[in-house]
Amino acid sequence: MNKKIKNIFWQTCTKYLQNTIPMKNFIEYICPLQAYIEEKTLILLSPNNYIKEKIEKNYLSIIKNVIQNISDDNYKIKIIIGSIKQIKQTKQNIEKNRKNELKNVNNFAKSAIFMTIKNPGILYNPIYIYEEKNTNKNNIINFIINNLTNSNKNVKYTIIKNDIINLENLFKNNKLLIIEEINLIKINLKSQQILQKTLELIIKNNIQLIITANENFNKLKNINKNTKKLIENGLIIKIIKNEKYTKIKKQISIDNIIKNTLAYYNMDIEKIKNKKRQKNIVLVRQIIFYLCKTLTNKTFSELSPLLGEYTNSNIMYSYKKIKILIEKDINIKNDIQNIKNNIIK
């Protein structure tokens, strides 16, 4: 289906929807949507999570019925946050982004990572990745996961945050295991024995193990010598501090953060400054506080008068709340990343 036909298809859908949905709701929730078709899937692009949730809750079944009425093809519907422009830009920058994901490691480490993707569990196993402050080792982890799973859809992986006791049960059905922040995990004598025994089995069975930490490998104190020796036989990668990001961080203004966040959620500043407890307004306010704290060097005290008189506790609560939501809610995580991208541009 060419681009012109795709556009006509969604335009036809919206004409039917206009006659089905109250005009106020149609303007507020349907009009902001963009759409494109990919492999028998109609992908609806929502400008923000608020509209996405409204569509999913109230209008998705109506849209499905409309599509069934106007097309003989059995289209699936997928709703994501973004725009056609962002989709195009993302596709154009895939290769560039892949290179950037590895920009903080030396050439040998890059080569080793690419070889690991081609030969997981064989050449460099385990891989221990540690970082200095203000760097992001997650880029490398995501790079490895994405490339492994893209090249082989059957690749399964598990991320372990503190469950060392169950490690021996977790590794059996996976091709990739990731132990996050090992230096922060409390490892007792029993866990030490399990860790060492399981590492030996993982290496023997060519299951790729990646261990991350915020500490130099030589300074690790919570694992025994035998386990350290097993890790040392693999590959140790140090992530270098990204000075470019540090400079960008210092240049980002509070006004720019507020402006981009409000634009993303199609909301005006007066609503945010109003102390109403409406859920969507509170969320946007909390995101602004979170981004201000994350992307600038401002203290909680300096951010207090930003959107009216809020206490340090209010700001701190907002920051922690969004930090937790990012871990739990993929939509919020995507929202935050999209806003960050807009700000840094």
Protein backbone atom coordinates (compact mmCIF):
# COMPACT_ATOMS: atom_id res chain seq x y z
CA MET A 1 0.00 0.00 0.00
CA ASN A 2 1.56 3.28 -1.07
CA LYS A 3 1.76 6.41 1.05
CA LYS A 4 -1.16 8.15 -0.66
CA ILE A 5 -3.51 5.18 -0.16
CA LYS A 6 -2.42 4.89 3.48
CA ASN A 7 -3.36 8.52 4.09
CA ILE A 8 -6.73 8.07 2.36
CA PHE A 9 -7.40 4.98 4.48
CA TRP A 10 -7.03 6.86 7.78
CA GLN A 11 -8.92 9.87 6.40
CA THR A 12 -11.80 7.54 5.55
CA CYS A 13 -11.66 6.10 9.07
CA THR A 14 -11.83 9.55 10.64
CA LYS A 15 -14.86 10.51 8.53
CA TYR A 16 -16.74 7.52 9.90
CA LEU A 17 -15.51 8.23 13.42
CA GLN A 18 -16.66 11.84 13.14
CA ASN A 19 -20.21 10.59 12.66
CA THR A 20 -19.91 8.12 15.52
CA ILE A 21 -18.16 10.03 18.30
CA PRO A 22 -19.40 13.29 19.91
CA MET A 23 -17.73 16.22 18.15
CA LYS A 24 -16.02 17.51 21.29
CA ASN A 25 -14.41 14.13 21.95
CA PHE A 26 -13.58 13.66 18.28
CA ILE A 27 -11.66 16.96 18.22
CA GLU A 28 -9.93 16.30 21.53
CA TYR A 29 -8.92 12.66 21.07
CA ILE A 30 -9.16 11.60 17.40
CA CYS A 31 -7.93 14.71 15.59
CA PRO A 32 -4.48 14.73 17.27
CA LEU A 33 -3.80 11.17 16.04
CA GLN A 34 -1.57 10.40 13.09
CA ALA A 35 -1.49 7.01 11.41
CA TYR A 36 0.45 4.78 9.09
CA ILE A 37 0.17 1.16 7.98
CA GLU A 38 2.91 -1.40 8.36
CA GLU A 39 2.48 -5.10 7.57
CA LYS A 40 -1.30 -5.24 8.01
CA THR A 41 -1.10 -3.17 11.19
CA LEU A 42 -2.65 0.26 11.53
CA ILE A 43 -0.29 2.17 13.80
CA LEU A 44 -1.90 5.13 15.52
CA LEU A 45 0.47 7.79 16.76
CA SER A 46 -0.65 9.69 19.83
CA PRO A 47 1.04 12.95 20.87
CA ASN A 48 1.04 11.89 24.53
CA ASN A 49 0.17 9.17 27.01
CA TYR A 50 -3.03 10.88 28.17
CA ILE A 51 -4.66 10.69 24.71
CA LYS A 52 -3.28 7.18 24.19
CA GLU A 53 -4.98 5.94 27.36
CA LYS A 54 -8.26 7.63 26.39
CA ILE A 55 -8.21 5.96 22.97
CA GLU A 56 -7.43 2.54 24.45
CA LYS A 57 -10.12 2.84 27.08
CA ASN A 58 -12.98 4.48 25.18
CA TYR A 59 -12.47 4.42 21.42
CA LEU A 60 -10.36 1.45 20.38
CA SER A 61 -13.33 -0.87 19.86
CA ILE A 62 -15.10 1.83 17.82
CA ILE A 63 -12.04 2.27 15.59
CA LYS A 64 -11.86 -1.51 15.10
CA ASN A 65 -15.50 -1.61 14.02
CA VAL A 66 -14.96 1.23 11.56
CA ILE A 67 -11.98 -0.54 10.00
CA GLN A 68 -13.97 -3.75 9.62
CA ASN A 69 -16.71 -1.81 7.84
CA ILE A 70 -14.45 -0.06 5.33
CA SER A 71 -11.87 -2.76 4.62
CA ASP A 72 -11.85 -6.45 3.79
CA ASP A 73 -8.36 -6.78 5.23
CA ASN A 74 -7.98 -7.87 8.82
CA TYR A 75 -5.92 -5.01 10.25
CA LYS A 76 -4.40 -5.11 13.69
CA ILE A 77 -4.27 -1.82 15.60
CA LYS A 78 -1.31 -0.61 17.59
CA ILE A 79 -1.18 2.68 19.50
CA ILE A 80 2.15 4.28 20.26
CA ILE A 81 3.32 7.70 21.38
CA GLY A 82 5.06 9.82 18.77
CA SER A 83 4.57 11.42 15.37
CA ILE A 84 5.21 10.59 11.72
CA LYS A 85 8.13 12.99 11.79
CA GLN A 86 9.65 11.20 14.79
CA ILE A 87 9.18 7.79 13.16
CA LYS A 88 10.96 8.95 10.00
CA GLN A 89 13.74 10.54 12.01
CA THR A 90 14.15 7.40 14.10
CA LYS A 91 14.47 5.20 11.02
CA GLN A 92 16.97 7.58 9.45
CA ASN A 93 19.11 7.65 12.58
CA ILE A 94 19.16 3.93 13.44
CA GLU A 95 22.70 3.37 12.20
CA LYS A 96 23.91 6.63 13.71
CA ASN A 97 22.37 5.75 17.07
CA ARG A 98 23.92 2.30 17.02
CA LYS A 99 27.35 3.86 16.66
CA ASN A 100 26.62 6.38 19.40
CA GLU A 101 25.59 3.64 21.82
CA LEU A 102 29.18 2.47 21.84
CA LYS A 103 30.92 5.84 21.70
CA ASN A 104 32.22 5.64 25.27
CA VAL A 105 34.23 2.42 24.84
CA ASN A 106 37.55 1.87 23.12
CA ASN A 107 37.96 0.10 19.78
CA PHE A 108 38.95 -3.24 21.31
CA ALA A 109 35.84 -3.25 23.52
CA LYS A 110 33.65 -2.33 20.54
CA SER A 111 35.11 -5.17 18.54
CA ALA A 112 34.59 -7.56 21.46
CA ILE A 113 30.94 -6.48 21.82
CA PHE A 114 30.25 -7.06 18.11
CA MET A 115 31.94 -10.46 18.33
CA THR A 116 29.84 -11.29 21.40
CA ILE A 117 26.66 -10.48 19.48
CA LYS A 118 27.74 -12.82 16.68
CA ASN A 119 28.99 -15.53 19.06
CA PRO A 120 27.15 -15.17 22.39
CA GLY A 121 28.64 -17.13 25.27
CA ILE A 122 31.71 -18.28 23.36
CA LEU A 123 34.42 -15.65 22.98
CA TYR A 124 34.05 -13.24 25.91
CA ASN A 125 32.15 -14.67 28.83
CA PRO A 126 31.31 -13.20 31.23
CA ILE A 127 31.49 -9.49 30.38
CA TYR A 128 31.84 -7.14 33.35
CA ILE A 129 30.82 -3.54 32.59
CA TYR A 130 31.42 -0.77 35.10
CA GLU A 131 31.11 2.97 34.86
CA GLU A 132 32.21 6.24 36.32
CA LYS A 133 29.62 8.66 37.65
CA ASN A 134 27.30 10.36 35.13
CA THR A 135 27.86 7.76 32.43
CA ASN A 136 25.41 5.30 30.97
CA LYS A 137 26.36 1.65 30.65
CA ASN A 138 22.73 0.82 29.88
CA ASN A 139 23.35 1.92 26.28
CA ILE A 140 25.74 -0.99 25.81
CA ILE A 141 23.38 -3.44 27.53
CA ASN A 142 20.48 -2.31 25.33
CA PHE A 143 22.70 -2.49 22.25
CA ILE A 144 23.62 -6.11 22.99
CA ILE A 145 20.05 -7.13 23.87
CA ASN A 146 18.54 -5.45 20.80
CA ASN A 147 21.07 -6.89 18.38
CA LEU A 148 20.92 -10.39 19.84
CA THR A 149 17.13 -10.50 19.80
CA ASN A 150 16.89 -8.89 16.35
CA SER A 151 19.25 -11.42 14.82
CA ASN A 152 17.52 -14.34 16.54
CA LYS A 153 13.89 -14.01 17.62
CA ASN A 154 14.24 -17.14 19.78
CA VAL A 155 16.87 -15.61 22.05
CA LYS A 156 15.56 -15.33 25.60
CA TYR A 157 17.18 -13.22 28.27
CA THR A 158 16.69 -12.45 31.95
CA ILE A 159 17.77 -9.42 33.95
CA ILE A 160 18.65 -10.20 37.56
CA LYS A 161 18.65 -7.35 40.05
CA ASN A 162 19.09 -9.08 43.41
CA ASP A 163 17.82 -12.63 43.03
CA ILE A 164 21.15 -14.46 43.30
CA ILE A 165 19.55 -17.34 45.23
CA ASN A 166 17.41 -18.26 42.20
CA LEU A 167 20.19 -17.72 39.68
CA GLU A 168 20.73 -21.44 39.14
CA ASN A 169 17.07 -21.83 38.10
CA LEU A 170 16.95 -18.72 35.93
CA PHE A 171 19.81 -19.46 33.56
CA LYS A 172 18.53 -22.75 32.13
CA ASN A 173 16.07 -21.36 29.56
CA ASN A 174 18.06 -18.28 28.58
CA LYS A 175 20.77 -17.47 26.07
CA LEU A 176 21.62 -14.21 27.82
CA LEU A 177 21.74 -13.34 31.52
CA ILE A 178 22.34 -9.88 32.93
CA ILE A 179 23.19 -9.30 36.59
CA GLU A 180 22.65 -5.61 37.33
CA GLU A 181 24.75 -3.61 39.81
CA ILE A 182 26.44 -6.61 41.40
CA ASN A 183 28.37 -4.36 43.78
CA LEU A 184 25.07 -3.33 45.43
CA ILE A 185 23.75 -6.87 45.94
CA LYS A 186 24.08 -8.34 49.43
CA ILE A 187 25.64 -11.75 48.88
CA ASN A 188 25.81 -14.09 51.88
CA LEU A 189 27.79 -17.34 52.09
CA LYS A 190 25.02 -19.42 50.52
CA SER A 191 24.62 -16.91 47.68
CA GLN A 192 28.40 -16.94 47.13
CA GLN A 193 28.33 -20.69 46.62
CA ILE A 194 25.34 -20.50 44.26
CA LEU A 195 26.93 -17.66 42.29
CA GLN A 196 30.22 -19.49 41.81
CA LYS A 197 28.58 -22.81 40.92
CA THR A 198 26.12 -21.19 38.50
CA LEU A 199 28.82 -19.08 36.82
CA GLU A 200 30.76 -22.26 36.10
CA LEU A 201 27.65 -23.84 34.54
CA ILE A 202 26.81 -20.70 32.56
CA ILE A 203 30.29 -20.54 31.06
CA LYS A 204 30.33 -24.28 30.38
CA ASN A 205 26.97 -24.10 28.56
CA ASN A 206 27.93 -21.03 26.49
CA ILE A 207 25.24 -18.82 27.98
CA GLN A 208 26.28 -15.19 27.69
CA LEU A 209 26.55 -13.46 31.05
CA ILE A 210 26.82 -9.70 31.43
CA ILE A 211 27.50 -8.21 34.85
CA THR A 212 27.13 -4.49 35.48
CA ALA A 213 28.44 -2.43 38.38
CA ASN A 214 29.18 1.09 39.53
CA GLU A 215 32.52 0.00 40.88
CA ASN A 216 35.93 -0.92 39.53
CA PHE A 217 36.24 -4.71 39.29
CA ASN A 218 39.37 -4.73 41.47
CA LYS A 219 37.47 -3.01 44.28
CA LEU A 220 34.60 -5.52 44.42
CA LYS A 221 34.27 -6.80 47.98
CA ASN A 222 31.03 -8.77 47.97
CA ILE A 223 32.16 -11.77 45.90
CA ASN A 224 34.87 -14.32 46.67
CA LYS A 225 38.21 -14.82 44.92
CA ASN A 226 37.14 -17.88 42.93
CA THR A 227 34.11 -16.08 41.50
CA LYS A 228 36.23 -13.02 40.70
CA LYS A 229 38.67 -15.24 38.85
CA LEU A 230 35.84 -16.63 36.70
CA ILE A 231 34.72 -13.09 35.84
CA GLU A 232 38.27 -11.94 35.21
CA ASN A 233 38.72 -14.65 32.58
CA GLY A 234 36.05 -12.94 30.50
CA LEU A 235 36.12 -9.28 29.50
CA ILE A 236 36.13 -6.18 31.70
CA ILE A 237 34.87 -2.93 30.13
CA LYS A 238 35.13 0.49 31.72
CA ILE A 239 32.71 3.14 30.47
CA ILE A 240 34.35 6.53 30.07
CA LYS A 241 32.65 9.67 31.32
CA ASN A 242 30.85 11.47 28.52
CA GLU A 243 32.03 15.08 28.73
CA LYS A 244 29.73 16.11 25.88
CA TYR A 245 26.64 15.14 27.87
CA THR A 246 27.93 16.98 30.94
CA LYS A 247 28.28 20.15 28.88
CA ILE A 248 24.79 19.76 27.41
CA LYS A 249 23.35 19.27 30.89
CA LYS A 250 24.75 22.59 32.07
CA GLN A 251 23.26 24.44 29.09
CA ILE A 252 19.65 23.23 29.44
CA SER A 253 17.36 25.91 30.82
CA ILE A 254 14.37 25.48 33.11
CA ASP A 255 12.22 27.46 30.66
CA ASN A 256 13.13 25.07 27.86
CA ILE A 257 12.15 22.07 29.99
CA ILE A 258 8.79 23.59 30.93
CA LYS A 259 8.09 24.73 27.37
CA ASN A 260 8.81 21.32 25.82
CA THR A 261 6.93 19.36 28.49
CA LEU A 262 3.82 21.54 28.19
CA ALA A 263 3.94 21.34 24.39
CA TYR A 264 4.28 17.56 24.52
CA TYR A 265 1.18 17.21 26.71
CA ASN A 266 -0.68 20.07 25.01
CA MET A 267 -1.14 21.88 28.32
CA ASP A 268 -0.76 25.51 29.37
CA ILE A 269 1.29 26.85 32.26
CA GLU A 270 -1.71 28.17 34.20
CA LYS A 271 -3.14 24.68 34.59
CA ILE A 272 0.17 23.44 35.94
CA LYS A 273 0.55 26.32 38.39
CA ASN A 274 -2.98 25.77 39.65
CA LYS A 275 -2.80 23.41 42.63
CA LYS A 276 -5.68 21.23 41.43
CA ARG A 277 -5.21 17.51 42.04
CA GLN A 278 -6.49 16.42 38.64
CA LYS A 279 -4.51 13.30 37.76
CA ASN A 280 -3.16 14.31 34.34
CA ILE A 281 -2.18 17.80 35.57
CA VAL A 282 -0.39 16.43 38.63
CA LEU A 283 1.51 13.96 36.45
CA VAL A 284 2.75 16.66 34.06
CA ARG A 285 3.78 18.85 37.00
CA GLN A 286 5.73 15.95 38.52
CA ILE A 287 7.42 15.24 35.19
CA ILE A 288 8.53 18.87 34.94
CA PHE A 289 10.07 18.69 38.41
CA TYR A 290 11.73 15.38 37.56
CA LEU A 291 13.23 16.70 34.32
CA CYS A 292 14.40 19.91 35.97
CA LYS A 293 16.20 17.91 38.63
CA THR A 294 17.60 15.40 36.13
CA LEU A 295 18.69 17.75 33.35
CA THR A 296 19.97 20.71 35.35
CA ASN A 297 22.21 21.28 38.33
CA LYS A 298 19.43 22.91 40.35
CA THR A 299 18.81 21.81 43.94
CA PHE A 300 15.37 20.89 45.30
CA SER A 301 15.31 24.25 47.12
CA GLU A 302 16.00 26.16 43.91
CA LEU A 303 13.16 24.33 42.16
CA SER A 304 10.61 25.03 44.92
CA PRO A 305 9.17 28.31 43.54
CA LEU A 306 9.21 27.07 39.95
CA LEU A 307 5.48 26.31 39.48
CA GLY A 308 4.08 28.10 42.49
CA GLU A 309 5.11 27.62 46.08
CA TYR A 310 6.04 23.98 46.50
CA THR A 311 8.16 22.67 49.35
CA ASN A 312 11.37 20.68 49.02
CA SER A 313 9.35 17.63 50.07
CA ASN A 314 6.89 18.18 47.21
CA ILE A 315 9.69 18.36 44.66
CA MET A 316 11.50 15.38 46.13
CA TYR A 317 8.29 13.33 46.14
CA SER A 318 7.64 14.23 42.48
CA TYR A 319 11.18 13.27 41.52
CA LYS A 320 10.98 9.90 43.27
CA LYS A 321 7.47 9.21 41.97
CA ILE A 322 8.48 9.69 38.32
CA LYS A 323 11.68 7.73 38.85
CA ILE A 324 9.58 4.77 40.04
CA LEU A 325 7.03 5.20 37.23
CA ILE A 326 9.81 5.10 34.62
CA GLU A 327 10.74 1.64 35.89
CA LYS A 328 7.16 0.37 35.94
CA ASP A 329 5.37 2.14 33.08
CA ILE A 330 6.81 1.90 29.57
CA ASN A 331 4.52 4.70 28.35
CA ILE A 332 5.82 7.14 30.95
CA LYS A 333 9.36 6.05 30.16
CA ASN A 334 8.76 6.76 26.46
CA ASP A 335 7.14 10.11 27.26
CA ILE A 336 10.15 11.18 29.31
CA GLN A 337 12.60 10.08 26.63
CA ASN A 338 10.66 11.88 23.88
CA ILE A 339 10.58 15.09 25.91
CA LYS A 340 14.31 14.80 26.65
CA ASN A 341 15.03 14.36 22.96
CA ASN A 342 12.99 17.47 22.15
CA ILE A 343 14.77 19.47 24.85
CA ILE A 344 18.27 18.48 23.77
CA LYS A 345 17.48 19.28 20.12
